[in-house]
Every structure is written in C-alpha cells, then in structure tokens.
C-alpha atoms as a PDB file:
ATOM      1  CA  MET A   1     -36.809 -23.459 -43.341  1.00  0.00           C
ATOM      2  CA  VAL A   2     -33.860 -22.103 -45.179  1.00  0.00           C
ATOM      3  CA  ARG A   3     -32.478 -24.533 -47.607  1.00  0.00           C
ATOM      4  CA  HIS A   4     -29.070 -24.486 -49.155  1.00  0.00           C
ATOM      5  CA  ASP A   5     -27.793 -26.357 -52.138  1.00  0.00           C
ATOM      6  CA  ARG A   6     -24.463 -28.143 -51.196  1.00  0.00           C
ATOM      7  CA  HIS A   7     -22.432 -28.297 -54.217  1.00  0.00           C
ATOM      8  CA  PHE A   8     -19.438 -29.537 -52.836  1.00  0.00           C
ATOM      9  CA  GLY A   9     -20.221 -31.348 -49.621  1.00  0.00           C
ATOM     10  CA  THR A  10     -18.288 -32.684 -46.702  1.00  0.00           C
ATOM     11  CA  PRO A  11     -14.982 -33.617 -48.636  1.00  0.00           C
ATOM     12  CA  ALA A  12     -14.639 -29.831 -49.840  1.00  0.00           C
ATOM     13  CA  PHE A  13     -15.358 -28.748 -46.233  1.00  0.00           C
ATOM     14  CA  PHE A  14     -12.580 -30.612 -44.706  1.00  0.00           C
ATOM     15  CA  GLY A  15     -10.111 -29.799 -47.533  1.00  0.00           C
ATOM     16  CA  GLN A  16     -10.911 -26.158 -46.636  1.00  0.00           C
ATOM     17  CA  ARG A  17     -10.421 -26.696 -43.061  1.00  0.00           C
ATOM     18  CA  ILE A  18      -6.889 -28.342 -43.804  1.00  0.00           C
ATOM     19  CA  PHE A  19      -5.986 -25.250 -45.844  1.00  0.00           C
ATOM     20  CA  PHE A  20      -6.811 -23.139 -43.005  1.00  0.00           C
ATOM     21  CA  VAL A  21      -5.076 -25.227 -40.573  1.00  0.00           C
ATOM     22  CA  ILE A  22      -1.781 -25.459 -42.348  1.00  0.00           C
ATOM     23  CA  SER A  23      -1.780 -21.774 -43.528  1.00  0.00           C
ATOM     24  CA  PRO A  24       0.186 -19.172 -41.251  1.00  0.00           C
ATOM     25  CA  GLY A  25      -2.220 -17.046 -38.740  1.00  0.00           C
ATOM     26  CA  PRO A  26      -2.463 -16.079 -35.255  1.00  0.00           C
ATOM     27  CA  ASP A  27      -2.267 -19.709 -33.928  1.00  0.00           C
ATOM     28  CA  LEU A  28       1.096 -20.162 -35.711  1.00  0.00           C
ATOM     29  CA  LEU A  29       2.302 -16.994 -34.344  1.00  0.00           C
ATOM     30  CA  LEU A  30       1.087 -17.828 -30.706  1.00  0.00           C
ATOM     31  CA  SER A  31       2.811 -21.498 -31.226  1.00  0.00           C
ATOM     32  CA  SER A  32       5.902 -20.266 -32.505  1.00  0.00           C
ATOM     33  CA  SER A  33       6.451 -17.601 -30.142  1.00  0.00           C
ATOM     34  CA  TYR A  34       5.970 -19.731 -27.184  1.00  0.00           C
ATOM     35  CA  SER A  35       8.095 -22.529 -28.674  1.00  0.00           C
ATOM     36  CA  THR A  36      11.025 -19.919 -29.021  1.00  0.00           C
ATOM     37  CA  GLY A  37      10.478 -18.183 -25.976  1.00  0.00           C
ATOM     38  CA  ARG A  38       9.687 -20.860 -23.472  1.00  0.00           C
ATOM     39  CA  GLY A  39      10.860 -23.927 -25.067  1.00  0.00           C
ATOM     40  CA  PHE A  40       9.723 -27.081 -26.712  1.00  0.00           C
ATOM     41  CA  LYS A  41       7.367 -28.294 -23.897  1.00  0.00           C
ATOM     42  CA  SER A  42       5.426 -24.807 -23.765  1.00  0.00           C
ATOM     43  CA  GLY A  43       5.083 -24.801 -27.605  1.00  0.00           C
ATOM     44  CA  LEU A  44       3.781 -28.382 -27.619  1.00  0.00           C
ATOM     45  CA  ALA A  45       1.295 -27.410 -24.883  1.00  0.00           C
ATOM     46  CA  ILE A  46       0.134 -24.441 -26.653  1.00  0.00           C
ATOM     47  CA  SER A  47      -0.240 -26.399 -29.853  1.00  0.00           C
ATOM     48  CA  LEU A  48      -2.318 -29.057 -28.331  1.00  0.00           C
ATOM     49  CA  GLY A  49      -4.339 -26.515 -26.805  1.00  0.00           C
ATOM     50  CA  ILE A  50      -5.045 -24.905 -30.060  1.00  0.00           C
ATOM     51  CA  PHE A  51      -5.674 -28.499 -31.636  1.00  0.00           C
ATOM     52  CA  GLY A  52      -8.157 -29.193 -28.811  1.00  0.00           C
ATOM     53  CA  ALA A  53     -10.188 -26.073 -29.173  1.00  0.00           C
ATOM     54  CA  GLY A  54     -10.272 -26.528 -32.923  1.00  0.00           C
ATOM     55  CA  LEU A  55     -11.828 -29.988 -32.856  1.00  0.00           C
ATOM     56  CA  PRO A  56     -15.291 -29.215 -30.977  1.00  0.00           C
ATOM     57  CA  GLN A  57     -15.472 -25.991 -33.225  1.00  0.00           C
ATOM     58  CA  THR A  58     -15.033 -27.705 -36.521  1.00  0.00           C
ATOM     59  CA  GLY A  59     -17.528 -30.312 -35.262  1.00  0.00           C
ATOM     60  CA  LEU A  60     -20.062 -27.533 -34.408  1.00  0.00           C
ATOM     61  CA  VAL A  61     -19.578 -25.996 -37.835  1.00  0.00           C
ATOM     62  CA  ALA A  62     -19.842 -29.221 -39.691  1.00  0.00           C
ATOM     63  CA  PHE A  63     -22.968 -30.179 -38.183  1.00  0.00           C
ATOM     64  CA  GLY A  64     -24.661 -27.014 -38.961  1.00  0.00           C
ATOM     65  CA  LEU A  65     -24.385 -24.866 -35.805  1.00  0.00           C
ATOM     66  CA  GLY A  66     -24.540 -21.752 -37.964  1.00  0.00           C
ATOM     67  CA  GLU A  67     -27.588 -22.433 -39.885  1.00  0.00           C
ATOM     68  CA  ILE A  68     -29.364 -23.394 -36.321  1.00  0.00           C
ATOM     69  CA  MET A  69     -28.188 -20.042 -35.231  1.00  0.00           C
ATOM     70  CA  GLN A  70     -29.486 -18.081 -38.186  1.00  0.00           C
ATOM     71  CA  THR A  71     -32.739 -19.844 -37.916  1.00  0.00           C
ATOM     72  CA  MET A  72     -33.159 -19.662 -34.202  1.00  0.00           C
ATOM     73  CA  PRO A  73     -32.180 -16.163 -32.908  1.00  0.00           C
ATOM     74  CA  LYS A  74     -32.892 -17.300 -29.334  1.00  0.00           C
ATOM     75  CA  VAL A  75     -30.188 -19.923 -29.645  1.00  0.00           C
ATOM     76  CA  ALA A  76     -27.781 -17.259 -31.104  1.00  0.00           C
ATOM     77  CA  LEU A  77     -28.341 -14.966 -28.423  1.00  0.00           C
ATOM     78  CA  ALA A  78     -27.894 -17.761 -25.647  1.00  0.00           C
ATOM     79  CA  VAL A  79     -24.530 -18.504 -27.211  1.00  0.00           C
ATOM     80  CA  LYS A  80     -23.633 -14.841 -27.067  1.00  0.00           C
ATOM     81  CA  VAL A  81     -24.683 -14.312 -23.626  1.00  0.00           C
ATOM     82  CA  ILE A  82     -22.932 -17.697 -22.317  1.00  0.00           C
ATOM     83  CA  GLY A  83     -19.693 -16.163 -24.256  1.00  0.00           C
ATOM     84  CA  VAL A  84     -20.020 -12.769 -22.459  1.00  0.00           C
ATOM     85  CA  CYS A  85     -20.763 -14.432 -19.266  1.00  0.00           C
ATOM     86  CA  TYR A  86     -17.441 -16.552 -19.669  1.00  0.00           C
ATOM     87  CA  LEU A  87     -15.307 -13.710 -20.357  1.00  0.00           C
ATOM     88  CA  LEU A  88     -16.486 -11.750 -17.480  1.00  0.00           C
ATOM     89  CA  TRP A  89     -15.829 -14.632 -15.377  1.00  0.00           C
ATOM     90  CA  LEU A  90     -12.262 -14.906 -16.531  1.00  0.00           C
ATOM     91  CA  GLY A  91     -11.787 -11.278 -16.268  1.00  0.00           C
ATOM     92  CA  GLY A  92     -13.188 -11.350 -12.760  1.00  0.00           C
ATOM     93  CA  ILE A  93     -10.892 -14.194 -11.556  1.00  0.00           C
ATOM     94  CA  SER A  94      -7.788 -12.312 -13.132  1.00  0.00           C
ATOM     95  CA  PHE A  95      -8.789  -9.151 -11.321  1.00  0.00           C
ATOM     96  CA  ALA A  96      -9.374 -10.954  -8.071  1.00  0.00           C
ATOM     97  CA  LEU A  97      -6.158 -12.851  -8.266  1.00  0.00           C
ATOM     98  CA  GLY A  98      -4.260  -9.925  -9.408  1.00  0.00           C
ATOM     99  CA  ILE A  99      -2.898 -11.587 -12.408  1.00  0.00           C
ATOM    100  CA  ASN A 100      -0.566  -9.142 -14.330  1.00  0.00           C
ATOM    101  CA  ILE A 101       0.109  -9.769 -17.768  1.00  0.00           C
ATOM    102  CA  HIS A 102       3.617  -8.627 -17.663  1.00  0.00           C
ATOM    103  CA  LYS A 103       4.530 -11.348 -15.116  1.00  0.00           C
ATOM    104  CA  VAL A 104       2.785 -13.824 -17.250  1.00  0.00           C
ATOM    105  CA  LEU A 105       4.627 -12.870 -20.190  1.00  0.00           C
ATOM    106  CA  SER A 106       8.154 -13.093 -18.276  1.00  0.00           C
ATOM    107  CA  MET A 107       7.489 -16.283 -16.667  1.00  0.00           C
ATOM    108  CA  PRO A 108      10.481 -18.806 -16.966  1.00  0.00           C
ATOM    109  CA  LYS A 109      10.690 -21.482 -19.534  1.00  0.00           C
ATOM    110  CA  LEU A 110       9.566 -24.918 -18.837  1.00  0.00           C
ATOM    111  CA  THR A 111      12.653 -27.268 -18.780  1.00  0.00           C
ATOM    112  CA  ASN A 112      13.077 -29.327 -22.003  1.00  0.00           C
END
C-alpha cells in the first residue's frame, strides 16, 4: 500500500478548493455568458448546476478516490469505461433527437 505523508491535512485541502472555486476559469466564463446572454434565471440555473457537480467531485477527492484508482487499476478502468459509455449515450441521444448546437445557443432567454 502506498503511504503518503500529509503535511497539511484537510484544512489546507479545503482552503485550496476555495481558492480554485473563486478563481476565474471555465465555470465563470460559462455562468457569465449564460447570465448576460439569457438572463438572471439561466445564469442562476447554470451556477447551481456547476455547484451541484462540484460537491460530489470534491467529496470523492477528499475521501481518496485518486489513491484508490492508483492502487486498483481495475477501478480506474471501470470509471473510464463508465465515462465513455455515458458520453456515447449523450451523443447518441443528441444525434437521435437531432439536437443542433446552433439552435441550442440561439434559444430565447428565460423571463426574469
């Protein structure tokens, strides 16, 4: 078993996470473009979606999913295969429904 000496511990991890959350990045670009282009409700909805996706991700990282994946390659492969299947499923549904990205981007604003 791989043992890593943790010099900083949990408070430093969450401090780093807060820094990454408040620093500008793709999430900020996405939420600001939705807010300016489609209105407050759309911006709030996308921000809540980003927040909701970040919670389980942070929990998995905090509880050591990375270390589990390093020590158990079959688990890492399973996570990759599940991710590929999910992306193929999303693409298949988009293709079957004829979803056009240009139509999605030109959708009207939600009313404020």
